[in-house]
Amino acid sequence: MIEIKNYKDMEPFVPEERPWISKRVVIGKAHGNPSFAMRIFELQPGHTSKSHRHWWEHGVYVISGSGAVKAEDGTELPLSKGDVVYIPQEEHHQVCNTGSEVLSFICVIPGNAEELD
């Protein structure tokens, strides 16, 4: 069955230890989709995601704001609205909000990784 909803109507998950980032799982196993998970993140200005790596690849689409993806060697690749990013599996990365507004982005991962992230 086709389903349409607004992501803002979904409750965000905000980690206690990182209250500057929120995640909404808008498509995933809870929605009957085992193949992939689509999440929408909102990262507050001046903050970063955790620096990490994992076994799955993922795709990112920047909805609004500006920032950078920091690689393991410290290289910062700039991000802005409309950019698409591919992060290979095991690639160390961190998303940084370098702008003055919320950095919003869609992140798609394999369905079997959803509960691990």
PDB file of N, CA and C in Angstrom:
ATOM      1  N   MET A   1       0.833  -1.170   0.000  1.00  0.00           N
ATOM      2  CA  MET A   1       0.000   0.000   0.000  1.00  0.00           C
ATOM      3  C   MET A   1       0.891   1.251   0.000  1.00  0.00           C
ATOM      4  N   ILE A   2       0.599   2.198  -0.843  1.00  0.00           N
ATOM      5  CA  ILE A   2       1.329   3.456  -0.899  1.00  0.00           C
ATOM      6  C   ILE A   2       0.974   4.279   0.336  1.00  0.00           C
ATOM      7  N   GLU A   3       1.990   4.871   0.936  1.00  0.00           N
ATOM      8  CA  GLU A   3       1.781   5.644   2.157  1.00  0.00           C
ATOM      9  C   GLU A   3       2.491   6.993   2.009  1.00  0.00           C
ATOM     10  N   ILE A   4       1.821   8.064   2.373  1.00  0.00           N
ATOM     11  CA  ILE A   4       2.405   9.406   2.336  1.00  0.00           C
ATOM     12  C   ILE A   4       2.208  10.037   3.704  1.00  0.00           C
ATOM     13  N   LYS A   5       3.279  10.630   4.219  1.00  0.00           N
ATOM     14  CA  LYS A   5       3.197  11.338   5.496  1.00  0.00           C
ATOM     15  C   LYS A   5       4.267  12.419   5.502  1.00  0.00           C
ATOM     16  N   ASN A   6       4.129  13.376   6.377  1.00  0.00           N
ATOM     17  CA  ASN A   6       5.107  14.429   6.509  1.00  0.00           C
ATOM     18  C   ASN A   6       6.081  14.045   7.611  1.00  0.00           C
ATOM     19  N   TYR A   7       7.371  14.146   7.337  1.00  0.00           N
ATOM     20  CA  TYR A   7       8.363  13.720   8.329  1.00  0.00           C
ATOM     21  C   TYR A   7       8.273  14.524   9.621  1.00  0.00           C
ATOM     22  N   LYS A   8       7.793  15.757   9.553  1.00  0.00           N
ATOM     23  CA  LYS A   8       7.675  16.584  10.760  1.00  0.00           C
ATOM     24  C   LYS A   8       6.612  16.048  11.726  1.00  0.00           C
ATOM     25  N   ASP A   9       5.704  15.195  11.212  1.00  0.00           N
ATOM     26  CA  ASP A   9       4.677  14.596  12.058  1.00  0.00           C
ATOM     27  C   ASP A   9       5.209  13.387  12.821  1.00  0.00           C
ATOM     28  N   MET A  10       6.424  12.978  12.516  1.00  0.00           N
ATOM     29  CA  MET A  10       7.022  11.811  13.174  1.00  0.00           C
ATOM     30  C   MET A  10       7.903  12.273  14.329  1.00  0.00           C
ATOM     31  N   GLU A  11       7.883  11.545  15.403  1.00  0.00           N
ATOM     32  CA  GLU A  11       8.638  11.897  16.601  1.00  0.00           C
ATOM     33  C   GLU A  11      10.138  11.714  16.367  1.00  0.00           C
ATOM     34  N   PRO A  12      10.938  12.748  16.626  1.00  0.00           N
ATOM     35  CA  PRO A  12      12.384  12.588  16.442  1.00  0.00           C
ATOM     36  C   PRO A  12      13.022  11.862  17.630  1.00  0.00           C
ATOM     37  N   PHE A  13      14.106  11.158  17.331  1.00  0.00           N
ATOM     38  CA  PHE A  13      14.933  10.577  18.388  1.00  0.00           C
ATOM     39  C   PHE A  13      16.089  11.551  18.605  1.00  0.00           C
ATOM     40  N   VAL A  14      16.263  11.998  19.848  1.00  0.00           N
ATOM     41  CA  VAL A  14      17.343  12.916  20.208  1.00  0.00           C
ATOM     42  C   VAL A  14      18.184  12.225  21.274  1.00  0.00           C
ATOM     43  N   PRO A  15      19.425  11.859  20.935  1.00  0.00           N
ATOM     44  CA  PRO A  15      20.268  11.166  21.923  1.00  0.00           C
ATOM     45  C   PRO A  15      20.537  12.056  23.141  1.00  0.00           C
ATOM     46  N   GLU A  16      20.454  11.480  24.311  1.00  0.00           N
ATOM     47  CA  GLU A  16      20.681  12.225  25.545  1.00  0.00           C
ATOM     48  C   GLU A  16      22.074  12.848  25.568  1.00  0.00           C
ATOM     49  N   GLU A  17      23.063  12.097  25.057  1.00  0.00           N
ATOM     50  CA  GLU A  17      24.448  12.574  25.088  1.00  0.00           C
ATOM     51  C   GLU A  17      24.781  13.532  23.943  1.00  0.00           C
ATOM     52  N   ARG A  18      23.872  13.670  22.956  1.00  0.00           N
ATOM     53  CA  ARG A  18      24.079  14.581  21.823  1.00  0.00           C
ATOM     54  C   ARG A  18      22.767  15.289  21.487  1.00  0.00           C
ATOM     55  N   PRO A  19      22.291  16.188  22.340  1.00  0.00           N
ATOM     56  CA  PRO A  19      20.980  16.819  22.137  1.00  0.00           C
ATOM     57  C   PRO A  19      20.931  17.791  20.955  1.00  0.00           C
ATOM     58  N   TRP A  20      22.028  17.984  20.274  1.00  0.00           N
ATOM     59  CA  TRP A  20      22.089  18.902  19.126  1.00  0.00           C
ATOM     60  C   TRP A  20      21.791  18.221  17.795  1.00  0.00           C
ATOM     61  N   ILE A  21      21.483  16.915  17.833  1.00  0.00           N
ATOM     62  CA  ILE A  21      21.154  16.199  16.600  1.00  0.00           C
ATOM     63  C   ILE A  21      19.888  15.380  16.816  1.00  0.00           C
ATOM     64  N   SER A  22      19.023  15.386  15.821  1.00  0.00           N
ATOM     65  CA  SER A  22      17.817  14.557  15.911  1.00  0.00           C
ATOM     66  C   SER A  22      17.739  13.657  14.680  1.00  0.00           C
ATOM     67  N   LYS A  23      17.074  12.518  14.868  1.00  0.00           N
ATOM     68  CA  LYS A  23      16.915  11.537  13.788  1.00  0.00           C
ATOM     69  C   LYS A  23      15.471  11.068  13.751  1.00  0.00           C
ATOM     70  N   ARG A  24      14.915  11.066  12.561  1.00  0.00           N
ATOM     71  CA  ARG A  24      13.581  10.493  12.351  1.00  0.00           C
ATOM     72  C   ARG A  24      13.720   9.362  11.342  1.00  0.00           C
ATOM     73  N   VAL A  25      13.317   8.158  11.717  1.00  0.00           N
ATOM     74  CA  VAL A  25      13.289   7.047  10.762  1.00  0.00           C
ATOM     75  C   VAL A  25      11.942   7.145  10.063  1.00  0.00           C
ATOM     76  N   VAL A  26      11.965   7.575   8.799  1.00  0.00           N
ATOM     77  CA  VAL A  26      10.719   7.830   8.073  1.00  0.00           C
ATOM     78  C   VAL A  26      10.284   6.647   7.216  1.00  0.00           C
ATOM     79  N   ILE A  27      11.236   5.789   6.841  1.00  0.00           N
ATOM     80  CA  ILE A  27      10.940   4.522   6.168  1.00  0.00           C
ATOM     81  C   ILE A  27      11.897   3.496   6.749  1.00  0.00           C
ATOM     82  N   GLY A  28      11.349   2.351   7.141  1.00  0.00           N
ATOM     83  CA  GLY A  28      12.193   1.299   7.709  1.00  0.00           C
ATOM     84  C   GLY A  28      11.373   0.081   8.053  1.00  0.00           C
ATOM     85  N   LYS A  29      11.947  -0.777   8.867  1.00  0.00           N
ATOM     86  CA  LYS A  29      11.270  -2.029   9.242  1.00  0.00           C
ATOM     87  C   LYS A  29       9.929  -1.779   9.914  1.00  0.00           C
ATOM     88  N   ALA A  30       9.838  -0.743  10.739  1.00  0.00           N
ATOM     89  CA  ALA A  30       8.581  -0.432  11.422  1.00  0.00           C
ATOM     90  C   ALA A  30       7.482  -0.053  10.439  1.00  0.00           C
ATOM     91  N   HIS A  31       7.880   0.317   9.223  1.00  0.00           N
ATOM     92  CA  HIS A  31       6.917   0.710   8.185  1.00  0.00           C
ATOM     93  C   HIS A  31       6.704  -0.415   7.176  1.00  0.00           C
ATOM     94  N   GLY A  32       7.232  -1.601   7.501  1.00  0.00           N
ATOM     95  CA  GLY A  32       7.065  -2.755   6.623  1.00  0.00           C
ATOM     96  C   GLY A  32       8.089  -2.835   5.504  1.00  0.00           C
ATOM     97  N   ASN A  33       9.186  -2.096   5.618  1.00  0.00           N
ATOM     98  CA  ASN A  33      10.209  -2.119   4.577  1.00  0.00           C
ATOM     99  C   ASN A  33      11.512  -2.696   5.126  1.00  0.00           C
ATOM    100  N   PRO A  34      11.837  -3.942   4.812  1.00  0.00           N
ATOM    101  CA  PRO A  34      13.075  -4.541   5.309  1.00  0.00           C
ATOM    102  C   PRO A  34      14.300  -4.238   4.440  1.00  0.00           C
ATOM    103  N   SER A  35      14.104  -3.666   3.259  1.00  0.00           N
ATOM    104  CA  SER A  35      15.208  -3.491   2.304  1.00  0.00           C
ATOM    105  C   SER A  35      16.137  -2.339   2.620  1.00  0.00           C
ATOM    106  N   PHE A  36      15.573  -1.206   3.051  1.00  0.00           N
ATOM    107  CA  PHE A  36      16.395  -0.045   3.368  1.00  0.00           C
ATOM    108  C   PHE A  36      15.698   0.797   4.416  1.00  0.00           C
ATOM    109  N   ALA A  37      16.484   1.672   5.029  1.00  0.00           N
ATOM    110  CA  ALA A  37      15.932   2.630   5.987  1.00  0.00           C
ATOM    111  C   ALA A  37      16.283   4.028   5.498  1.00  0.00           C
ATOM    112  N   MET A  38      15.290   4.902   5.541  1.00  0.00           N
ATOM    113  CA  MET A  38      15.509   6.317   5.225  1.00  0.00           C
ATOM    114  C   MET A  38      15.297   7.095   6.502  1.00  0.00           C
ATOM    115  N   ARG A  39      16.331   7.872   6.856  1.00  0.00           N
ATOM    116  CA  ARG A  39      16.270   8.676   8.074  1.00  0.00           C
ATOM    117  C   ARG A  39      16.480  10.142   7.708  1.00  0.00           C
ATOM    118  N   ILE A  40      15.900  11.040   8.473  1.00  0.00           N
ATOM    119  CA  ILE A  40      16.115  12.466   8.290  1.00  0.00           C
ATOM    120  C   ILE A  40      16.752  12.990   9.567  1.00  0.00           C
ATOM    121  N   PHE A  41      17.922  13.585   9.397  1.00  0.00           N
ATOM    122  CA  PHE A  41      18.673  14.148  10.509  1.00  0.00           C
ATOM    123  C   PHE A  41      18.595  15.665  10.476  1.00  0.00           C
ATOM    124  N   GLU A  42      18.621  16.262  11.650  1.00  0.00           N
ATOM    125  CA  GLU A  42      18.728  17.711  11.793  1.00  0.00           C
ATOM    126  C   GLU A  42      19.850  17.983  12.790  1.00  0.00           C
ATOM    127  N   LEU A  43      20.868  18.705  12.330  1.00  0.00           N
ATOM    128  CA  LEU A  43      22.058  18.980  13.117  1.00  0.00           C
ATOM    129  C   LEU A  43      22.149  20.483  13.352  1.00  0.00           C
ATOM    130  N   GLN A  44      22.209  20.872  14.613  1.00  0.00           N
ATOM    131  CA  GLN A  44      22.218  22.284  14.986  1.00  0.00           C
ATOM    132  C   GLN A  44      23.542  22.965  14.595  1.00  0.00           C
ATOM    133  N   PRO A  45      23.498  24.279  14.339  1.00  0.00           N
ATOM    134  CA  PRO A  45      24.706  25.022  13.958  1.00  0.00           C
ATOM    135  C   PRO A  45      25.833  24.865  14.982  1.00  0.00           C
ATOM    136  N   GLY A  46      27.054  24.727  14.453  1.00  0.00           N
ATOM    137  CA  GLY A  46      28.227  24.627  15.316  1.00  0.00           C
ATOM    138  C   GLY A  46      28.476  23.254  15.913  1.00  0.00           C
ATOM    139  N   HIS A  47      27.663  22.255  15.551  1.00  0.00           N
ATOM    140  CA  HIS A  47      27.797  20.922  16.131  1.00  0.00           C
ATOM    141  C   HIS A  47      28.138  19.885  15.065  1.00  0.00           C
ATOM    142  N   THR A  48      28.462  18.688  15.538  1.00  0.00           N
ATOM    143  CA  THR A  48      28.836  17.585  14.648  1.00  0.00           C
ATOM    144  C   THR A  48      28.127  16.303  15.053  1.00  0.00           C
ATOM    145  N   SER A  49      28.078  15.364  14.112  1.00  0.00           N
ATOM    146  CA  SER A  49      27.667  14.007  14.458  1.00  0.00           C
ATOM    147  C   SER A  49      28.870  13.353  15.137  1.00  0.00           C
ATOM    148  N   LYS A  50      28.682  12.158  15.654  1.00  0.00           N
ATOM    149  CA  LYS A  50      29.842  11.464  16.209  1.00  0.00           C
ATOM    150  C   LYS A  50      30.750  11.045  15.050  1.00  0.00           C
ATOM    151  N   SER A  51      32.016  10.950  15.332  1.00  0.00           N
ATOM    152  CA  SER A  51      33.000  10.482  14.355  1.00  0.00           C
ATOM    153  C   SER A  51      32.962   8.958  14.405  1.00  0.00           C
ATOM    154  N   HIS A  52      32.688   8.323  13.249  1.00  0.00           N
ATOM    155  CA  HIS A  52      32.475   6.874  13.282  1.00  0.00           C
ATOM    156  C   HIS A  52      32.688   6.229  11.918  1.00  0.00           C
ATOM    157  N   ARG A  53      32.637   4.906  11.930  1.00  0.00           N
ATOM    158  CA  ARG A  53      32.643   4.094  10.714  1.00  0.00           C
ATOM    159  C   ARG A  53      31.779   2.863  10.993  1.00  0.00           C
ATOM    160  N   HIS A  54      31.296   2.226   9.938  1.00  0.00           N
ATOM    161  CA  HIS A  54      30.501   1.011  10.091  1.00  0.00           C
ATOM    162  C   HIS A  54      30.558   0.184   8.818  1.00  0.00           C
ATOM    163  N   TRP A  55      30.053  -1.022   8.887  1.00  0.00           N
ATOM    164  CA  TRP A  55      30.206  -1.962   7.768  1.00  0.00           C
ATOM    165  C   TRP A  55      29.299  -1.653   6.584  1.00  0.00           C
ATOM    166  N   TRP A  56      28.323  -0.774   6.741  1.00  0.00           N
ATOM    167  CA  TRP A  56      27.399  -0.506   5.642  1.00  0.00           C
ATOM    168  C   TRP A  56      27.709   0.828   4.967  1.00  0.00           C
ATOM    169  N   GLU A  57      27.353   0.890   3.695  1.00  0.00           N
ATOM    170  CA  GLU A  57      27.457   2.148   2.959  1.00  0.00           C
ATOM    171  C   GLU A  57      26.164   2.922   3.140  1.00  0.00           C
ATOM    172  N   HIS A  58      26.215   4.220   2.826  1.00  0.00           N
ATOM    173  CA  HIS A  58      24.981   4.971   2.846  1.00  0.00           C
ATOM    174  C   HIS A  58      25.058   6.177   1.920  1.00  0.00           C
ATOM    175  N   GLY A  59      23.871   6.644   1.575  1.00  0.00           N
ATOM    176  CA  GLY A  59      23.750   7.814   0.732  1.00  0.00           C
ATOM    177  C   GLY A  59      23.117   8.936   1.529  1.00  0.00           C
ATOM    178  N   VAL A  60      23.565  10.154   1.255  1.00  0.00           N
ATOM    179  CA  VAL A  60      23.074  11.332   1.965  1.00  0.00           C
ATOM    180  C   VAL A  60      22.634  12.375   0.940  1.00  0.00           C
ATOM    181  N   TYR A  61      21.516  13.029   1.224  1.00  0.00           N
ATOM    182  CA  TYR A  61      21.041  14.148   0.410  1.00  0.00           C
ATOM    183  C   TYR A  61      20.794  15.324   1.343  1.00  0.00           C
ATOM    184  N   VAL A  62      21.428  16.466   1.067  1.00  0.00           N
ATOM    185  CA  VAL A  62      21.298  17.640   1.923  1.00  0.00           C
ATOM    186  C   VAL A  62      20.030  18.407   1.546  1.00  0.00           C
ATOM    187  N   ILE A  63      19.102  18.510   2.496  1.00  0.00           N
ATOM    188  CA  ILE A  63      17.840  19.210   2.297  1.00  0.00           C
ATOM    189  C   ILE A  63      18.028  20.713   2.463  1.00  0.00           C
ATOM    190  N   SER A  64      18.729  21.099   3.525  1.00  0.00           N
ATOM    191  CA  SER A  64      18.943  22.532   3.788  1.00  0.00           C
ATOM    192  C   SER A  64      20.150  22.708   4.687  1.00  0.00           C
ATOM    193  N   GLY A  65      20.672  23.944   4.681  1.00  0.00           N
ATOM    194  CA  GLY A  65      21.817  24.263   5.509  1.00  0.00           C
ATOM    195  C   GLY A  65      23.127  24.035   4.781  1.00  0.00           C
ATOM    196  N   SER A  66      24.206  24.160   5.546  1.00  0.00           N
ATOM    197  CA  SER A  66      25.537  23.932   4.987  1.00  0.00           C
ATOM    198  C   SER A  66      26.426  23.309   6.044  1.00  0.00           C
ATOM    199  N   GLY A  67      27.448  22.635   5.580  1.00  0.00           N
ATOM    200  CA  GLY A  67      28.345  21.967   6.511  1.00  0.00           C
ATOM    201  C   GLY A  67      29.473  21.291   5.774  1.00  0.00           C
ATOM    202  N   ALA A  68      29.956  20.198   6.357  1.00  0.00           N
ATOM    203  CA  ALA A  68      31.062  19.452   5.768  1.00  0.00           C
ATOM    204  C   ALA A  68      31.005  18.014   6.257  1.00  0.00           C
ATOM    205  N   VAL A  69      31.603  17.135   5.467  1.00  0.00           N
ATOM    206  CA  VAL A  69      31.854  15.764   5.906  1.00  0.00           C
ATOM    207  C   VAL A  69      33.346  15.686   6.154  1.00  0.00           C
ATOM    208  N   LYS A  70      33.706  15.305   7.374  1.00  0.00           N
ATOM    209  CA  LYS A  70      35.121  15.208   7.737  1.00  0.00           C
ATOM    210  C   LYS A  70      35.567  13.753   7.585  1.00  0.00           C
ATOM    211  N   ALA A  71      36.649  13.551   6.838  1.00  0.00           N
ATOM    212  CA  ALA A  71      37.225  12.224   6.631  1.00  0.00           C
ATOM    213  C   ALA A  71      38.219  11.912   7.755  1.00  0.00           C
ATOM    214  N   GLU A  72      38.677  10.671   7.800  1.00  0.00           N
ATOM    215  CA  GLU A  72      39.586  10.226   8.854  1.00  0.00           C
ATOM    216  C   GLU A  72      40.885  11.028   8.880  1.00  0.00           C
ATOM    217  N   ASP A  73      41.363  11.462   7.714  1.00  0.00           N
ATOM    218  CA  ASP A  73      42.613  12.227   7.652  1.00  0.00           C
ATOM    219  C   ASP A  73      42.419  13.709   7.981  1.00  0.00           C
ATOM    220  N   GLY A  74      41.199  14.100   8.356  1.00  0.00           N
ATOM    221  CA  GLY A  74      40.914  15.480   8.719  1.00  0.00           C
ATOM    222  C   GLY A  74      40.418  16.340   7.572  1.00  0.00           C
ATOM    223  N   THR A  75      40.446  15.805   6.351  1.00  0.00           N
ATOM    224  CA  THR A  75      39.935  16.536   5.199  1.00  0.00           C
ATOM    225  C   THR A  75      38.455  16.828   5.396  1.00  0.00           C
ATOM    226  N   GLU A  76      38.046  18.074   5.132  1.00  0.00           N
ATOM    227  CA  GLU A  76      36.638  18.451   5.226  1.00  0.00           C
ATOM    228  C   GLU A  76      36.107  18.736   3.833  1.00  0.00           C
ATOM    229  N   LEU A  77      35.098  17.980   3.432  1.00  0.00           N
ATOM    230  CA  LEU A  77      34.456  18.144   2.134  1.00  0.00           C
ATOM    231  C   LEU A  77      33.184  18.952   2.339  1.00  0.00           C
ATOM    232  N   PRO A  78      33.077  20.141   1.728  1.00  0.00           N
ATOM    233  CA  PRO A  78      31.923  21.011   1.981  1.00  0.00           C
ATOM    234  C   PRO A  78      30.609  20.423   1.485  1.00  0.00           C
ATOM    235  N   LEU A  79      29.543  20.754   2.216  1.00  0.00           N
ATOM    236  CA  LEU A  79      28.179  20.324   1.899  1.00  0.00           C
ATOM    237  C   LEU A  79      27.266  21.537   1.832  1.00  0.00           C
ATOM    238  N   SER A  80      26.311  21.507   0.918  1.00  0.00           N
ATOM    239  CA  SER A  80      25.271  22.536   0.904  1.00  0.00           C
ATOM    240  C   SER A  80      24.006  21.943   0.301  1.00  0.00           C
ATOM    241  N   LYS A  81      22.931  22.706   0.402  1.00  0.00           N
ATOM    242  CA  LYS A  81      21.620  22.271  -0.067  1.00  0.00           C
ATOM    243  C   LYS A  81      21.704  21.687  -1.482  1.00  0.00           C
ATOM    244  N   GLY A  82      21.118  20.503  -1.644  1.00  0.00           N
ATOM    245  CA  GLY A  82      21.092  19.838  -2.942  1.00  0.00           C
ATOM    246  C   GLY A  82      22.231  18.875  -3.182  1.00  0.00           C
ATOM    247  N   ASP A  83      23.251  18.874  -2.323  1.00  0.00           N
ATOM    248  CA  ASP A  83      24.379  17.964  -2.512  1.00  0.00           C
ATOM    249  C   ASP A  83      23.989  16.529  -2.173  1.00  0.00           C
ATOM    250  N   VAL A  84      24.616  15.602  -2.884  1.00  0.00           N
ATOM    251  CA  VAL A  84      24.441  14.171  -2.666  1.00  0.00           C
ATOM    252  C   VAL A  84      25.802  13.599  -2.293  1.00  0.00           C
ATOM    253  N   VAL A  85      25.835  12.771  -1.258  1.00  0.00           N
ATOM    254  CA  VAL A  85      27.086  12.201  -0.771  1.00  0.00           C
ATOM    255  C   VAL A  85      26.955  10.683  -0.717  1.00  0.00           C
ATOM    256  N   TYR A  86      27.986   9.992  -1.203  1.00  0.00           N
ATOM    257  CA  TYR A  86      28.072   8.542  -1.039  1.00  0.00           C
ATOM    258  C   TYR A  86      29.195   8.264  -0.055  1.00  0.00           C
ATOM    259  N   ILE A  87      28.891   7.531   1.004  1.00  0.00           N
ATOM    260  CA  ILE A  87      29.905   7.150   1.990  1.00  0.00           C
ATOM    261  C   ILE A  87      30.051   5.631   1.935  1.00  0.00           C
ATOM    262  N   PRO A  88      31.205   5.145   1.450  1.00  0.00           N
ATOM    263  CA  PRO A  88      31.420   3.699   1.340  1.00  0.00           C
ATOM    264  C   PRO A  88      31.482   3.017   2.707  1.00  0.00           C
ATOM    265  N   GLN A  89      31.277   1.711   2.704  1.00  0.00           N
ATOM    266  CA  GLN A  89      31.382   0.966   3.952  1.00  0.00           C
ATOM    267  C   GLN A  89      32.806   1.088   4.496  1.00  0.00           C
ATOM    268  N   GLU A  90      32.902   1.104   5.830  1.00  0.00           N
ATOM    269  CA  GLU A  90      34.154   1.215   6.576  1.00  0.00           C
ATOM    270  C   GLU A  90      34.883   2.553   6.391  1.00  0.00           C
ATOM    271  N   GLU A  91      34.243   3.520   5.748  1.00  0.00           N
ATOM    272  CA  GLU A  91      34.852   4.848   5.580  1.00  0.00           C
ATOM    273  C   GLU A  91      34.582   5.690   6.831  1.00  0.00           C
ATOM    274  N   HIS A  92      35.636   6.096   7.492  1.00  0.00           N
ATOM    275  CA  HIS A  92      35.506   6.914   8.689  1.00  0.00           C
ATOM    276  C   HIS A  92      34.945   8.277   8.283  1.00  0.00           C
ATOM    277  N   HIS A  93      33.948   8.799   9.022  1.00  0.00           N
ATOM    278  CA  HIS A  93      33.309  10.058   8.654  1.00  0.00           C
ATOM    279  C   HIS A  93      32.636  10.732   9.842  1.00  0.00           C
ATOM    280  N   GLN A  94      32.402  12.031   9.668  1.00  0.00           N
ATOM    281  CA  GLN A  94      31.704  12.840  10.657  1.00  0.00           C
ATOM    282  C   GLN A  94      31.049  13.994   9.902  1.00  0.00           C
ATOM    283  N   VAL A  95      29.793  14.268  10.210  1.00  0.00           N
ATOM    284  CA  VAL A  95      29.092  15.383   9.581  1.00  0.00           C
ATOM    285  C   VAL A  95      29.169  16.584  10.518  1.00  0.00           C
ATOM    286  N   CYS A  96      29.552  17.738   9.958  1.00  0.00           N
ATOM    287  CA  CYS A  96      29.717  18.967  10.733  1.00  0.00           C
ATOM    288  C   CYS A  96      28.779  20.038  10.187  1.00  0.00           C
ATOM    289  N   ASN A  97      28.120  20.760  11.063  1.00  0.00           N
ATOM    290  CA  ASN A  97      27.321  21.906  10.638  1.00  0.00           C
ATOM    291  C   ASN A  97      28.192  23.145  10.793  1.00  0.00           C
ATOM    292  N   THR A  98      28.634  23.696   9.676  1.00  0.00           N
ATOM    293  CA  THR A  98      29.502  24.868   9.685  1.00  0.00           C
ATOM    294  C   THR A  98      28.728  26.153   9.406  1.00  0.00           C
ATOM    295  N   GLY A  99      27.432  26.026   9.207  1.00  0.00           N
ATOM    296  CA  GLY A  99      26.608  27.180   8.864  1.00  0.00           C
ATOM    297  C   GLY A  99      25.919  27.797  10.065  1.00  0.00           C
ATOM    298  N   SER A 100      25.003  28.719   9.773  1.00  0.00           N
ATOM    299  CA  SER A 100      24.282  29.427  10.834  1.00  0.00           C
ATOM    300  C   SER A 100      22.843  28.942  10.981  1.00  0.00           C
ATOM    301  N   GLU A 101      22.444  27.961  10.180  1.00  0.00           N
ATOM    302  CA  GLU A 101      21.096  27.388  10.300  1.00  0.00           C
ATOM    303  C   GLU A 101      21.201  25.876  10.447  1.00  0.00           C
ATOM    304  N   VAL A 102      20.093  25.252  10.770  1.00  0.00           N
ATOM    305  CA  VAL A 102      20.060  23.801  10.944  1.00  0.00           C
ATOM    306  C   VAL A 102      20.463  23.123   9.639  1.00  0.00           C
ATOM    307  N   LEU A 103      21.324  22.120   9.744  1.00  0.00           N
ATOM    308  CA  LEU A 103      21.703  21.287   8.605  1.00  0.00           C
ATOM    309  C   LEU A 103      20.776  20.084   8.605  1.00  0.00           C
ATOM    310  N   SER A 104      19.915  19.986   7.591  1.00  0.00           N
ATOM    311  CA  SER A 104      18.960  18.870   7.472  1.00  0.00           C
ATOM    312  C   SER A 104      19.391  17.995   6.320  1.00  0.00           C
ATOM    313  N   PHE A 105      19.403  16.680   6.554  1.00  0.00           N
ATOM    314  CA  PHE A 105      19.783  15.773   5.474  1.00  0.00           C
ATOM    315  C   PHE A 105      19.089  14.430   5.604  1.00  0.00           C
ATOM    316  N   ILE A 106      18.882  13.822   4.447  1.00  0.00           N
ATOM    317  CA  ILE A 106      18.324  12.475   4.355  1.00  0.00           C
ATOM    318  C   ILE A 106      19.497  11.510   4.299  1.00  0.00           C
ATOM    319  N   CYS A 107      19.399  10.416   5.010  1.00  0.00           N
ATOM    320  CA  CYS A 107      20.428   9.388   4.992  1.00  0.00           C
ATOM    321  C   CYS A 107      19.744   8.040   4.764  1.00  0.00           C
ATOM    322  N   VAL A 108      20.191   7.317   3.738  1.00  0.00           N
ATOM    323  CA  VAL A 108      19.610   6.019   3.404  1.00  0.00           C
ATOM    324  C   VAL A 108      20.656   4.938   3.656  1.00  0.00           C
ATOM    325  N   ILE A 109      20.253   3.897   4.387  1.00  0.00           N
ATOM    326  CA  ILE A 109      21.142   2.778   4.708  1.00  0.00           C
ATOM    327  C   ILE A 109      20.420   1.455   4.418  1.00  0.00           C
ATOM    328  N   PRO A 110      21.167   0.340   4.339  1.00  0.00           N
ATOM    329  CA  PRO A 110      20.527  -0.961   4.164  1.00  0.00           C
ATOM    330  C   PRO A 110      19.609  -1.295   5.331  1.00  0.00           C
ATOM    331  N   GLY A 111      18.540  -2.004   5.064  1.00  0.00           N
ATOM    332  CA  GLY A 111      17.573  -2.347   6.100  1.00  0.00           C
ATOM    333  C   GLY A 111      18.161  -3.157   7.236  1.00  0.00           C
ATOM    334  N   ASN A 112      19.136  -4.021   6.933  1.00  0.00           N
ATOM    335  CA  ASN A 112      19.713  -4.854   7.993  1.00  0.00           C
ATOM    336  C   ASN A 112      20.677  -4.079   8.889  1.00  0.00           C
ATOM    337  N   ALA A 113      20.892  -2.790   8.622  1.00  0.00           N
ATOM    338  CA  ALA A 113      21.743  -1.942   9.462  1.00  0.00           C
ATOM    339  C   ALA A 113      20.922  -1.010  10.340  1.00  0.00           C
ATOM    340  N   GLU A 114      19.627  -0.948  10.106  1.00  0.00           N
ATOM    341  CA  GLU A 114      18.769   0.059  10.756  1.00  0.00           C
ATOM    342  C   GLU A 114      18.875   0.053  12.270  1.00  0.00           C
ATOM    343  N   GLU A 115      18.789  -1.109  12.897  1.00  0.00           N
ATOM    344  CA  GLU A 115      18.789  -1.112  14.360  1.00  0.00           C
ATOM    345  C   GLU A 115      20.188  -1.021  14.953  1.00  0.00           C
ATOM    346  N   LEU A 116      21.211  -1.013  14.122  1.00  0.00           N
ATOM    347  CA  LEU A 116      22.577  -0.900  14.607  1.00  0.00           C
ATOM    348  C   LEU A 116      23.066   0.536  14.685  1.00  0.00           C
ATOM    349  N   ASP A 117      22.367   1.453  14.039  1.00  0.00           N
ATOM    350  CA  ASP A 117      22.837   2.834  13.935  1.00  0.00           C
ATOM    351  C   ASP A 117      22.068   3.745  14.859  1.00  0.00           C
TER     352      ASP A 117
END
